Amino acid sequence: RTTRAINRGIYGQFLEHINHSVEDGLFAEQIRGAGFEGKDFEAF
């Protein structure tokens, strides 16, 4: 039988900056509050 194409784009991924997915996650910086801004000095 004739078949139909499937686009490999169905298997994408979505990387949003949310819930420490990047910061304190994929981005490998070990220091939290690196620049002391906001409440970072007090927090970290």
PDB file of all heavy atoms in Angstrom:
ATOM      1  N   ARG A   1       0.826  -1.207   0.000  1.00  0.00           N
ATOM      2  CA  ARG A   1       0.000   0.000   0.000  1.00  0.00           C
ATOM      3  C   ARG A   1       0.864   1.263   0.000  1.00  0.00           C
ATOM      4  O   ARG A   1       2.023   1.260   0.410  1.00  0.00           O
ATOM      5  CB  ARG A   1      -0.911   0.018   1.222  1.00  0.00           C
ATOM      6  CG  ARG A   1      -1.881  -1.135   1.304  1.00  0.00           C
ATOM      7  CD  ARG A   1      -2.898  -1.099   0.192  1.00  0.00           C
ATOM      8  NE  ARG A   1      -3.906  -2.134   0.382  1.00  0.00           N
ATOM      9  CZ  ARG A   1      -4.472  -2.802  -0.604  1.00  0.00           C
ATOM     10  NH1 ARG A   1      -4.125  -2.547  -1.857  1.00  0.00           N
ATOM     11  NH2 ARG A   1      -5.384  -3.716  -0.350  1.00  0.00           N
ATOM     12  N   THR A   2       0.254   2.352  -0.435  1.00  0.00           N
ATOM     13  CA  THR A   2       0.918   3.652  -0.390  1.00  0.00           C
ATOM     14  C   THR A   2       1.050   4.106   1.061  1.00  0.00           C
ATOM     15  O   THR A   2       0.094   3.998   1.845  1.00  0.00           O
ATOM     16  CB  THR A   2       0.117   4.693  -1.186  1.00  0.00           C
ATOM     17  OG1 THR A   2       0.015   4.259  -2.540  1.00  0.00           O
ATOM     18  CG2 THR A   2       0.782   6.063  -1.126  1.00  0.00           C
ATOM     19  N   THR A   3       2.209   4.587   1.411  1.00  0.00           N
ATOM     20  CA  THR A   3       2.444   5.084   2.765  1.00  0.00           C
ATOM     21  C   THR A   3       2.515   6.608   2.757  1.00  0.00           C
ATOM     22  O   THR A   3       2.610   7.238   1.700  1.00  0.00           O
ATOM     23  CB  THR A   3       3.744   4.511   3.341  1.00  0.00           C
ATOM     24  OG1 THR A   3       4.846   4.915   2.509  1.00  0.00           O
ATOM     25  CG2 THR A   3       3.688   2.996   3.414  1.00  0.00           C
ATOM     26  N   ARG A   4       2.484   7.185   3.958  1.00  0.00           N
ATOM     27  CA  ARG A   4       2.480   8.639   4.096  1.00  0.00           C
ATOM     28  C   ARG A   4       3.667   9.074   4.942  1.00  0.00           C
ATOM     29  O   ARG A   4       4.028   8.405   5.915  1.00  0.00           O
ATOM     30  CB  ARG A   4       1.172   9.075   4.758  1.00  0.00           C
ATOM     31  CG  ARG A   4       0.965  10.581   4.778  1.00  0.00           C
ATOM     32  CD  ARG A   4      -0.428  10.919   5.271  1.00  0.00           C
ATOM     33  NE  ARG A   4      -0.576  10.681   6.701  1.00  0.00           N
ATOM     34  CZ  ARG A   4      -1.667  10.199   7.265  1.00  0.00           C
ATOM     35  NH1 ARG A   4      -2.694   9.854   6.536  1.00  0.00           N
ATOM     36  NH2 ARG A   4      -1.724  10.041   8.578  1.00  0.00           N
ATOM     37  N   ALA A   5       4.254  10.195   4.589  1.00  0.00           N
ATOM     38  CA  ALA A   5       5.438  10.675   5.299  1.00  0.00           C
ATOM     39  C   ALA A   5       5.089  11.160   6.703  1.00  0.00           C
ATOM     40  O   ALA A   5       4.019  11.736   6.934  1.00  0.00           O
ATOM     41  CB  ALA A   5       6.098  11.794   4.511  1.00  0.00           C
ATOM     42  N   ILE A   6       6.001  10.901   7.638  1.00  0.00           N
ATOM     43  CA  ILE A   6       5.925  11.437   8.990  1.00  0.00           C
ATOM     44  C   ILE A   6       7.099  12.393   9.167  1.00  0.00           C
ATOM     45  O   ILE A   6       8.238  12.048   8.868  1.00  0.00           O
ATOM     46  CB  ILE A   6       6.011  10.324  10.049  1.00  0.00           C
ATOM     47  CG1 ILE A   6       4.915   9.284   9.832  1.00  0.00           C
ATOM     48  CG2 ILE A   6       5.919  10.906  11.456  1.00  0.00           C
ATOM     49  CD1 ILE A   6       5.104   8.035  10.684  1.00  0.00           C
ATOM     50  N   ASN A   7       6.820  13.580   9.639  1.00  0.00           N
ATOM     51  CA  ASN A   7       7.878  14.567   9.828  1.00  0.00           C
ATOM     52  C   ASN A   7       8.606  14.299  11.139  1.00  0.00           C
ATOM     53  O   ASN A   7       7.979  14.171  12.193  1.00  0.00           O
ATOM     54  CB  ASN A   7       7.287  15.977   9.837  1.00  0.00           C
ATOM     55  CG  ASN A   7       8.340  17.036   9.601  1.00  0.00           C
ATOM     56  OD1 ASN A   7       9.330  17.104  10.317  1.00  0.00           O
ATOM     57  ND2 ASN A   7       8.126  17.872   8.603  1.00  0.00           N
ATOM     58  N   ARG A   8       9.928  14.213  11.070  1.00  0.00           N
ATOM     59  CA  ARG A   8      10.706  13.973  12.294  1.00  0.00           C
ATOM     60  C   ARG A   8      10.578  15.127  13.282  1.00  0.00           C
ATOM     61  O   ARG A   8      10.900  14.996  14.468  1.00  0.00           O
ATOM     62  CB  ARG A   8      12.173  13.746  11.931  1.00  0.00           C
ATOM     63  CG  ARG A   8      12.927  13.030  13.040  1.00  0.00           C
ATOM     64  CD  ARG A   8      14.369  12.732  12.701  1.00  0.00           C
ATOM     65  NE  ARG A   8      14.903  11.767  13.645  1.00  0.00           N
ATOM     66  CZ  ARG A   8      15.267  10.537  13.349  1.00  0.00           C
ATOM     67  NH1 ARG A   8      15.163  10.118  12.100  1.00  0.00           N
ATOM     68  NH2 ARG A   8      15.744   9.725  14.261  1.00  0.00           N
ATOM     69  N   GLY A   9      10.095  16.280  12.798  1.00  0.00           N
ATOM     70  CA  GLY A   9       9.869  17.411  13.685  1.00  0.00           C
ATOM     71  C   GLY A   9       8.862  17.138  14.787  1.00  0.00           C
ATOM     72  O   GLY A   9       8.736  17.924  15.732  1.00  0.00           O
ATOM     73  N   ILE A  10       8.136  16.026  14.701  1.00  0.00           N
ATOM     74  CA  ILE A  10       7.234  15.632  15.782  1.00  0.00           C
ATOM     75  C   ILE A  10       8.015  15.389  17.068  1.00  0.00           C
ATOM     76  O   ILE A  10       7.478  15.518  18.171  1.00  0.00           O
ATOM     77  CB  ILE A  10       6.435  14.383  15.354  1.00  0.00           C
ATOM     78  CG1 ILE A  10       5.361  14.789  14.339  1.00  0.00           C
ATOM     79  CG2 ILE A  10       5.794  13.677  16.545  1.00  0.00           C
ATOM     80  CD1 ILE A  10       4.666  13.636  13.677  1.00  0.00           C
ATOM     81  N   TYR A  11       9.307  15.075  16.941  1.00  0.00           N
ATOM     82  CA  TYR A  11      10.122  14.760  18.117  1.00  0.00           C
ATOM     83  C   TYR A  11      11.056  15.919  18.462  1.00  0.00           C
ATOM     84  O   TYR A  11      12.272  15.795  18.486  1.00  0.00           O
ATOM     85  CB  TYR A  11      10.890  13.466  17.877  1.00  0.00           C
ATOM     86  CG  TYR A  11       9.974  12.273  17.850  1.00  0.00           C
ATOM     87  CD1 TYR A  11       9.439  11.803  16.660  1.00  0.00           C
ATOM     88  CD2 TYR A  11       9.598  11.644  19.027  1.00  0.00           C
ATOM     89  CE1 TYR A  11       8.562  10.728  16.636  1.00  0.00           C
ATOM     90  CE2 TYR A  11       8.732  10.565  19.017  1.00  0.00           C
ATOM     91  CZ  TYR A  11       8.211  10.114  17.818  1.00  0.00           C
ATOM     92  OH  TYR A  11       7.340   9.061  17.805  1.00  0.00           O
ATOM     93  N   GLY A  12      10.461  17.084  18.737  1.00  0.00           N
ATOM     94  CA  GLY A  12      11.224  18.219  19.223  1.00  0.00           C
ATOM     95  C   GLY A  12      11.191  18.292  20.745  1.00  0.00           C
ATOM     96  O   GLY A  12      10.537  17.494  21.422  1.00  0.00           O
ATOM     97  N   GLN A  13      11.897  19.282  21.301  1.00  0.00           N
ATOM     98  CA  GLN A  13      11.892  19.527  22.747  1.00  0.00           C
ATOM     99  C   GLN A  13      11.776  21.029  23.004  1.00  0.00           C
ATOM    100  O   GLN A  13      12.065  21.845  22.135  1.00  0.00           O
ATOM    101  CB  GLN A  13      13.152  18.970  23.413  1.00  0.00           C
ATOM    102  CG  GLN A  13      13.242  17.453  23.408  1.00  0.00           C
ATOM    103  CD  GLN A  13      12.170  16.778  24.222  1.00  0.00           C
ATOM    104  OE1 GLN A  13      11.678  17.332  25.215  1.00  0.00           O
ATOM    105  NE2 GLN A  13      11.795  15.566  23.825  1.00  0.00           N
ATOM    106  N   PHE A  14      11.360  21.362  24.209  1.00  0.00           N
ATOM    107  CA  PHE A  14      11.054  22.748  24.584  1.00  0.00           C
ATOM    108  C   PHE A  14      11.823  23.090  25.856  1.00  0.00           C
ATOM    109  O   PHE A  14      11.541  22.569  26.928  1.00  0.00           O
ATOM    110  CB  PHE A  14       9.547  22.871  24.790  1.00  0.00           C
ATOM    111  CG  PHE A  14       9.086  24.149  25.440  1.00  0.00           C
ATOM    112  CD1 PHE A  14       9.607  25.373  25.062  1.00  0.00           C
ATOM    113  CD2 PHE A  14       8.103  24.118  26.424  1.00  0.00           C
ATOM    114  CE1 PHE A  14       9.168  26.551  25.655  1.00  0.00           C
ATOM    115  CE2 PHE A  14       7.652  25.278  27.018  1.00  0.00           C
ATOM    116  CZ  PHE A  14       8.180  26.499  26.639  1.00  0.00           C
ATOM    117  N   LEU A  15      12.804  23.972  25.721  1.00  0.00           N
ATOM    118  CA  LEU A  15      13.634  24.389  26.854  1.00  0.00           C
ATOM    119  C   LEU A  15      13.243  25.801  27.261  1.00  0.00           C
ATOM    120  O   LEU A  15      13.666  26.771  26.643  1.00  0.00           O
ATOM    121  CB  LEU A  15      15.118  24.325  26.480  1.00  0.00           C
ATOM    122  CG  LEU A  15      16.103  24.766  27.564  1.00  0.00           C
ATOM    123  CD1 LEU A  15      16.007  23.875  28.792  1.00  0.00           C
ATOM    124  CD2 LEU A  15      17.529  24.781  27.022  1.00  0.00           C
ATOM    125  N   GLU A  16      12.435  25.895  28.288  1.00  0.00           N
ATOM    126  CA  GLU A  16      12.058  27.204  28.812  1.00  0.00           C
ATOM    127  C   GLU A  16      12.847  27.484  30.084  1.00  0.00           C
ATOM    128  O   GLU A  16      13.186  26.570  30.837  1.00  0.00           O
ATOM    129  CB  GLU A  16      10.563  27.282  29.115  1.00  0.00           C
ATOM    130  CG  GLU A  16      10.158  28.650  29.650  1.00  0.00           C
ATOM    131  CD  GLU A  16       8.652  28.851  29.771  1.00  0.00           C
ATOM    132  OE1 GLU A  16       7.908  27.866  29.656  1.00  0.00           O
ATOM    133  OE2 GLU A  16       8.236  30.010  29.988  1.00  0.00           O
ATOM    134  N   HIS A  17      13.112  28.756  30.333  1.00  0.00           N
ATOM    135  CA  HIS A  17      13.698  29.169  31.607  1.00  0.00           C
ATOM    136  C   HIS A  17      12.580  29.158  32.650  1.00  0.00           C
ATOM    137  O   HIS A  17      11.874  30.139  32.850  1.00  0.00           O
ATOM    138  CB  HIS A  17      14.309  30.562  31.488  1.00  0.00           C
ATOM    139  CG  HIS A  17      15.541  30.612  30.662  1.00  0.00           C
ATOM    140  ND1 HIS A  17      16.774  30.983  31.159  1.00  0.00           N
ATOM    141  CD2 HIS A  17      15.752  30.325  29.358  1.00  0.00           C
ATOM    142  CE1 HIS A  17      17.683  30.936  30.196  1.00  0.00           C
ATOM    143  NE2 HIS A  17      17.078  30.539  29.091  1.00  0.00           N
ATOM    144  N   ILE A  18      12.424  28.022  33.300  1.00  0.00           N
ATOM    145  CA  ILE A  18      11.352  27.850  34.270  1.00  0.00           C
ATOM    146  C   ILE A  18      11.802  26.833  35.309  1.00  0.00           C
ATOM    147  O   ILE A  18      12.414  25.819  34.987  1.00  0.00           O
ATOM    148  CB  ILE A  18      10.049  27.380  33.567  1.00  0.00           C
ATOM    149  CG1 ILE A  18       8.940  27.110  34.581  1.00  0.00           C
ATOM    150  CG2 ILE A  18      10.289  26.152  32.714  1.00  0.00           C
ATOM    151  CD1 ILE A  18       7.588  26.782  33.941  1.00  0.00           C
ATOM    152  N   ASN A  19      11.525  27.155  36.582  1.00  0.00           N
ATOM    153  CA  ASN A  19      11.782  26.215  37.674  1.00  0.00           C
ATOM    154  C   ASN A  19      13.210  25.682  37.684  1.00  0.00           C
ATOM    155  O   ASN A  19      13.443  24.491  37.874  1.00  0.00           O
ATOM    156  CB  ASN A  19      10.773  25.072  37.619  1.00  0.00           C
ATOM    157  CG  ASN A  19       9.347  25.585  37.723  1.00  0.00           C
ATOM    158  OD1 ASN A  19       8.591  25.493  36.767  1.00  0.00           O
ATOM    159  ND2 ASN A  19       8.981  26.136  38.865  1.00  0.00           N
ATOM    160  N   HIS A  20      14.173  26.582  37.456  1.00  0.00           N
ATOM    161  CA  HIS A  20      15.592  26.238  37.500  1.00  0.00           C
ATOM    162  C   HIS A  20      15.961  25.150  36.488  1.00  0.00           C
ATOM    163  O   HIS A  20      16.825  24.312  36.752  1.00  0.00           O
ATOM    164  CB  HIS A  20      16.019  25.817  38.913  1.00  0.00           C
ATOM    165  CG  HIS A  20      15.906  26.917  39.929  1.00  0.00           C
ATOM    166  ND1 HIS A  20      14.775  27.105  40.683  1.00  0.00           N
ATOM    167  CD2 HIS A  20      16.776  27.883  40.305  1.00  0.00           C
ATOM    168  CE1 HIS A  20      14.948  28.148  41.490  1.00  0.00           C
ATOM    169  NE2 HIS A  20      16.164  28.637  41.277  1.00  0.00           N
ATOM    170  N   SER A  21      15.308  25.168  35.350  1.00  0.00           N
ATOM    171  CA  SER A  21      15.682  24.233  34.292  1.00  0.00           C
ATOM    172  C   SER A  21      17.041  24.584  33.710  1.00  0.00           C
ATOM    173  O   SER A  21      17.824  23.696  33.351  1.00  0.00           O
ATOM    174  CB  SER A  21      14.629  24.242  33.179  1.00  0.00           C
ATOM    175  OG  SER A  21      14.486  25.553  32.640  1.00  0.00           O
ATOM    176  N   VAL A  22      17.335  25.870  33.612  1.00  0.00           N
ATOM    177  CA  VAL A  22      18.605  26.336  33.050  1.00  0.00           C
ATOM    178  C   VAL A  22      19.497  26.859  34.163  1.00  0.00           C
ATOM    179  O   VAL A  22      20.558  26.296  34.448  1.00  0.00           O
ATOM    180  CB  VAL A  22      18.352  27.421  31.979  1.00  0.00           C
ATOM    181  CG1 VAL A  22      19.676  27.948  31.443  1.00  0.00           C
ATOM    182  CG2 VAL A  22      17.488  26.868  30.843  1.00  0.00           C
ATOM    183  N   GLU A  23      19.094  27.926  34.813  1.00  0.00           N
ATOM    184  CA  GLU A  23      19.831  28.443  35.966  1.00  0.00           C
ATOM    185  C   GLU A  23      19.730  27.426  37.101  1.00  0.00           C
ATOM    186  O   GLU A  23      18.632  26.993  37.462  1.00  0.00           O
ATOM    187  CB  GLU A  23      19.223  29.776  36.406  1.00  0.00           C
ATOM    188  CG  GLU A  23      20.065  30.561  37.383  1.00  0.00           C
ATOM    189  CD  GLU A  23      21.166  31.360  36.716  1.00  0.00           C
ATOM    190  OE1 GLU A  23      21.213  31.376  35.481  1.00  0.00           O
ATOM    191  OE2 GLU A  23      21.968  31.962  37.449  1.00  0.00           O
ATOM    192  N   ASP A  24      20.876  27.001  37.633  1.00  0.00           N
ATOM    193  CA  ASP A  24      20.923  25.931  38.631  1.00  0.00           C
ATOM    194  C   ASP A  24      20.400  24.621  38.055  1.00  0.00           C
ATOM    195  O   ASP A  24      19.827  23.788  38.758  1.00  0.00           O
ATOM    196  CB  ASP A  24      20.136  26.309  39.879  1.00  0.00           C
ATOM    197  CG  ASP A  24      20.623  25.542  41.113  1.00  0.00           C
ATOM    198  OD1 ASP A  24      21.728  24.971  41.069  1.00  0.00           O
ATOM    199  OD2 ASP A  24      19.883  25.494  42.115  1.00  0.00           O
ATOM    200  N   GLY A  25      20.626  24.459  36.740  1.00  0.00           N
ATOM    201  CA  GLY A  25      20.208  23.251  36.042  1.00  0.00           C
ATOM    202  C   GLY A  25      21.176  22.944  34.921  1.00  0.00           C
ATOM    203  O   GLY A  25      22.349  22.648  35.163  1.00  0.00           O
ATOM    204  N   LEU A  26      20.704  23.047  33.683  1.00  0.00           N
ATOM    205  CA  LEU A  26      21.543  22.732  32.532  1.00  0.00           C
ATOM    206  C   LEU A  26      22.782  23.620  32.453  1.00  0.00           C
ATOM    207  O   LEU A  26      23.858  23.161  32.058  1.00  0.00           O
ATOM    208  CB  LEU A  26      20.713  22.864  31.253  1.00  0.00           C
ATOM    209  CG  LEU A  26      21.425  22.576  29.939  1.00  0.00           C
ATOM    210  CD1 LEU A  26      21.918  21.130  29.875  1.00  0.00           C
ATOM    211  CD2 LEU A  26      20.509  22.878  28.756  1.00  0.00           C
ATOM    212  N   PHE A  27      22.640  24.895  32.798  1.00  0.00           N
ATOM    213  CA  PHE A  27      23.792  25.800  32.826  1.00  0.00           C
ATOM    214  C   PHE A  27      24.622  25.474  34.054  1.00  0.00           C
ATOM    215  O   PHE A  27      24.142  25.535  35.188  1.00  0.00           O
ATOM    216  CB  PHE A  27      23.322  27.251  32.849  1.00  0.00           C
ATOM    217  CG  PHE A  27      24.427  28.255  32.734  1.00  0.00           C
ATOM    218  CD1 PHE A  27      25.233  28.300  31.609  1.00  0.00           C
ATOM    219  CD2 PHE A  27      24.658  29.162  33.749  1.00  0.00           C
ATOM    220  CE1 PHE A  27      26.254  29.231  31.502  1.00  0.00           C
ATOM    221  CE2 PHE A  27      25.673  30.106  33.652  1.00  0.00           C
ATOM    222  CZ  PHE A  27      26.475  30.132  32.520  1.00  0.00           C
ATOM    223  N   ALA A  28      25.894  25.111  33.839  1.00  0.00           N
ATOM    224  CA  ALA A  28      26.692  24.426  34.860  1.00  0.00           C
ATOM    225  C   ALA A  28      27.405  25.346  35.837  1.00  0.00           C
ATOM    226  O   ALA A  28      28.370  24.931  36.472  1.00  0.00           O
ATOM    227  CB  ALA A  28      27.711  23.512  34.172  1.00  0.00           C
ATOM    228  N   GLU A  29      26.964  26.568  35.977  1.00  0.00           N
ATOM    229  CA  GLU A  29      27.516  27.447  36.999  1.00  0.00           C
ATOM    230  C   GLU A  29      27.177  26.898  38.378  1.00  0.00           C
ATOM    231  O   GLU A  29      26.020  26.606  38.683  1.00  0.00           O
ATOM    232  CB  GLU A  29      26.938  28.855  36.849  1.00  0.00           C
ATOM    233  CG  GLU A  29      27.363  29.833  37.928  1.00  0.00           C
ATOM    234  CD  GLU A  29      28.866  30.039  37.952  1.00  0.00           C
ATOM    235  OE1 GLU A  29      29.397  30.643  36.998  1.00  0.00           O
ATOM    236  OE2 GLU A  29      29.506  29.582  38.932  1.00  0.00           O
ATOM    237  N   GLN A  30      28.215  26.750  39.222  1.00  0.00           N
ATOM    238  CA  GLN A  30      27.996  26.203  40.565  1.00  0.00           C
ATOM    239  C   GLN A  30      27.637  27.274  41.593  1.00  0.00           C
ATOM    240  O   GLN A  30      27.059  26.961  42.635  1.00  0.00           O
ATOM    241  CB  GLN A  30      29.252  25.459  41.037  1.00  0.00           C
ATOM    242  CG  GLN A  30      29.534  24.181  40.278  1.00  0.00           C
ATOM    243  CD  GLN A  30      29.428  22.964  41.179  1.00  0.00           C
ATOM    244  OE1 GLN A  30      28.596  22.898  42.080  1.00  0.00           O
ATOM    245  NE2 GLN A  30      30.275  21.996  40.930  1.00  0.00           N
ATOM    246  N   ILE A  31      27.983  28.518  41.306  1.00  0.00           N
ATOM    247  CA  ILE A  31      27.736  29.584  42.269  1.00  0.00           C
ATOM    248  C   ILE A  31      26.325  30.125  42.082  1.00  0.00           C
ATOM    249  O   ILE A  31      25.922  30.488  40.982  1.00  0.00           O
ATOM    250  CB  ILE A  31      28.758  30.718  42.110  1.00  0.00           C
ATOM    251  CG1 ILE A  31      30.174  30.192  42.339  1.00  0.00           C
ATOM    252  CG2 ILE A  31      28.445  31.865  43.071  1.00  0.00           C
ATOM    253  CD1 ILE A  31      30.419  29.633  43.723  1.00  0.00           C
ATOM    254  N   ARG A  32      25.585  30.172  43.148  1.00  0.00           N
ATOM    255  CA  ARG A  32      24.268  30.805  43.136  1.00  0.00           C
ATOM    256  C   ARG A  32      24.404  32.234  43.644  1.00  0.00           C
ATOM    257  O   ARG A  32      25.129  32.504  44.579  1.00  0.00           O
ATOM    258  CB  ARG A  32      23.300  30.007  44.019  1.00  0.00           C
ATOM    259  CG  ARG A  32      23.017  28.603  43.509  1.00  0.00           C
ATOM    260  CD  ARG A  32      22.307  27.757  44.552  1.00  0.00           C
ATOM    261  NE  ARG A  32      23.178  27.485  45.692  1.00  0.00           N
ATOM    262  CZ  ARG A  32      22.756  27.098  46.895  1.00  0.00           C
ATOM    263  NH1 ARG A  32      21.456  26.976  47.121  1.00  0.00           N
ATOM    264  NH2 ARG A  32      23.620  26.845  47.858  1.00  0.00           N
ATOM    265  N   GLY A  33      23.682  33.143  42.997  1.00  0.00           N
ATOM    266  CA  GLY A  33      23.797  34.545  43.396  1.00  0.00           C
ATOM    267  C   GLY A  33      25.163  35.099  43.089  1.00  0.00           C
ATOM    268  O   GLY A  33      25.762  35.810  43.915  1.00  0.00           O
ATOM    269  N   ALA A  34      25.665  34.820  41.868  1.00  0.00           N
ATOM    270  CA  ALA A  34      27.046  35.161  41.514  1.00  0.00           C
ATOM    271  C   ALA A  34      27.346  36.646  41.630  1.00  0.00           C
ATOM    272  O   ALA A  34      28.463  37.042  41.982  1.00  0.00           O
ATOM    273  CB  ALA A  34      27.340  34.685  40.084  1.00  0.00           C
ATOM    274  N   GLY A  35      26.345  37.493  41.341  1.00  0.00           N
ATOM    275  CA  GLY A  35      26.593  38.932  41.313  1.00  0.00           C
ATOM    276  C   GLY A  35      26.022  39.708  42.470  1.00  0.00           C
ATOM    277  O   GLY A  35      26.021  40.953  42.435  1.00  0.00           O
ATOM    278  N   PHE A  36      25.489  39.016  43.496  1.00  0.00           N
ATOM    279  CA  PHE A  36      25.012  39.650  44.725  1.00  0.00           C
ATOM    280  C   PHE A  36      23.807  40.571  44.507  1.00  0.00           C
ATOM    281  O   PHE A  36      23.492  41.394  45.367  1.00  0.00           O
ATOM    282  CB  PHE A  36      26.134  40.452  45.416  1.00  0.00           C
ATOM    283  CG  PHE A  36      27.417  39.710  45.571  1.00  0.00           C
ATOM    284  CD1 PHE A  36      28.596  40.187  45.012  1.00  0.00           C
ATOM    285  CD2 PHE A  36      27.464  38.522  46.268  1.00  0.00           C
ATOM    286  CE1 PHE A  36      29.786  39.501  45.148  1.00  0.00           C
ATOM    287  CE2 PHE A  36      28.655  37.819  46.417  1.00  0.00           C
ATOM    288  CZ  PHE A  36      29.823  38.311  45.855  1.00  0.00           C
ATOM    289  N   GLU A  37      23.117  40.442  43.369  1.00  0.00           N
ATOM    290  CA  GLU A  37      21.989  41.334  43.097  1.00  0.00           C
ATOM    291  C   GLU A  37      20.746  40.884  43.847  1.00  0.00           C
ATOM    292  O   GLU A  37      20.650  39.752  44.343  1.00  0.00           O
ATOM    293  CB  GLU A  37      21.714  41.372  41.593  1.00  0.00           C
ATOM    294  CG  GLU A  37      22.851  41.929  40.754  1.00  0.00           C
ATOM    295  CD  GLU A  37      23.148  43.382  41.068  1.00  0.00           C
ATOM    296  OE1 GLU A  37      22.214  44.209  41.015  1.00  0.00           O
ATOM    297  OE2 GLU A  37      24.318  43.696  41.368  1.00  0.00           O
ATOM    298  N   GLY A  38      19.759  41.784  43.895  1.00  0.00           N
ATOM    299  CA  GLY A  38      18.499  41.472  44.554  1.00  0.00           C
ATOM    300  C   GLY A  38      18.731  41.001  45.981  1.00  0.00           C
ATOM    301  O   GLY A  38      19.403  41.664  46.768  1.00  0.00           O
ATOM    302  N   LYS A  39      18.179  39.840  46.315  1.00  0.00           N
ATOM    303  CA  LYS A  39      18.353  39.264  47.648  1.00  0.00           C
ATOM    304  C   LYS A  39      19.356  38.116  47.639  1.00  0.00           C
ATOM    305  O   LYS A  39      19.381  37.291  48.572  1.00  0.00           O
ATOM    306  CB  LYS A  39      17.005  38.778  48.185  1.00  0.00           C
ATOM    307  CG  LYS A  39      15.992  39.899  48.391  1.00  0.00           C
ATOM    308  CD  LYS A  39      14.682  39.360  48.973  1.00  0.00           C
ATOM    309  CE  LYS A  39      13.691  40.490  49.212  1.00  0.00           C
ATOM    310  NZ  LYS A  39      12.405  39.992  49.787  1.00  0.00           N
ATOM    311  N   ASP A  40      20.192  38.059  46.597  1.00  0.00           N
ATOM    312  CA  ASP A  40      21.094  36.924  46.437  1.00  0.00           C
ATOM    313  C   ASP A  40      22.129  36.811  47.549  1.00  0.00           C
ATOM    314  O   ASP A  40      22.481  35.702  47.963  1.00  0.00           O
ATOM    315  CB  ASP A  40      21.801  36.999  45.083  1.00  0.00           C
ATOM    316  CG  ASP A  40      20.886  36.605  43.942  1.00  0.00           C
ATOM    317  OD1 ASP A  40      19.731  36.225  44.211  1.00  0.00           O
ATOM    318  OD2 ASP A  40      21.315  36.684  42.777  1.00  0.00           O
ATOM    319  N   PHE A  41      22.656  37.943  48.003  1.00  0.00           N
ATOM    320  CA  PHE A  41      23.686  37.871  49.046  1.00  0.00           C
ATOM    321  C   PHE A  41      23.095  37.272  50.318  1.00  0.00           C
ATOM    322  O   PHE A  41      23.685  36.380  50.948  1.00  0.00           O
ATOM    323  CB  PHE A  41      24.259  39.263  49.318  1.00  0.00           C
ATOM    324  CG  PHE A  41      25.386  39.260  50.322  1.00  0.00           C
ATOM    325  CD1 PHE A  41      26.578  38.610  50.047  1.00  0.00           C
ATOM    326  CD2 PHE A  41      25.245  39.904  51.539  1.00  0.00           C
ATOM    327  CE1 PHE A  41      27.616  38.597  50.971  1.00  0.00           C
ATOM    328  CE2 PHE A  41      26.278  39.901  52.475  1.00  0.00           C
ATOM    329  CZ  PHE A  41      27.465  39.243  52.183  1.00  0.00           C
ATOM    330  N   GLU A  42      21.913  37.715  50.676  1.00  0.00           N
ATOM    331  CA  GLU A  42      21.250  37.195  51.867  1.00  0.00           C
ATOM    332  C   GLU A  42      20.869  35.732  51.696  1.00  0.00           C
ATOM    333  O   GLU A  42      20.964  34.937  52.640  1.00  0.00           O
ATOM    334  CB  GLU A  42      19.999  38.031  52.151  1.00  0.00           C
ATOM    335  CG  GLU A  42      19.156  37.550  53.312  1.00  0.00           C
ATOM    336  CD  GLU A  42      17.886  38.356  53.457  1.00  0.00           C
ATOM    337  OE1 GLU A  42      17.729  39.377  52.751  1.00  0.00           O
ATOM    338  OE2 GLU A  42      17.031  37.948  54.281  1.00  0.00           O
ATOM    339  N   ALA A  43      20.448  35.351  50.480  1.00  0.00           N
ATOM    340  CA  ALA A  43      19.928  34.004  50.253  1.00  0.00           C
ATOM    341  C   ALA A  43      21.027  32.953  50.150  1.00  0.00           C
ATOM    342  O   ALA A  43      20.838  31.810  50.587  1.00  0.00           O
ATOM    343  CB  ALA A  43      19.078  33.988  48.985  1.00  0.00           C
ATOM    344  N   PHE A  44      22.176  33.309  49.570  1.00  0.00           N
ATOM    345  CA  PHE A  44      23.148  32.282  49.197  1.00  0.00           C
ATOM    346  C   PHE A  44      24.509  32.413  49.864  1.00  0.00           C
ATOM    347  O   PHE A  44      25.315  31.478  49.795  1.00  0.00           O
ATOM    348  CB  PHE A  44      23.357  32.285  47.677  1.00  0.00           C
ATOM    349  CG  PHE A  44      22.094  32.049  46.896  1.00  0.00           C
ATOM    350  CD1 PHE A  44      21.625  32.990  46.004  1.00  0.00           C
ATOM    351  CD2 PHE A  44      21.372  30.878  47.061  1.00  0.00           C
ATOM    352  CE1 PHE A  44      20.466  32.774  45.280  1.00  0.00           C
ATOM    353  CE2 PHE A  44      20.218  30.641  46.344  1.00  0.00           C
ATOM    354  CZ  PHE A  44      19.754  31.596  45.447  1.00  0.00           C
TER     355      PHE A  44
END
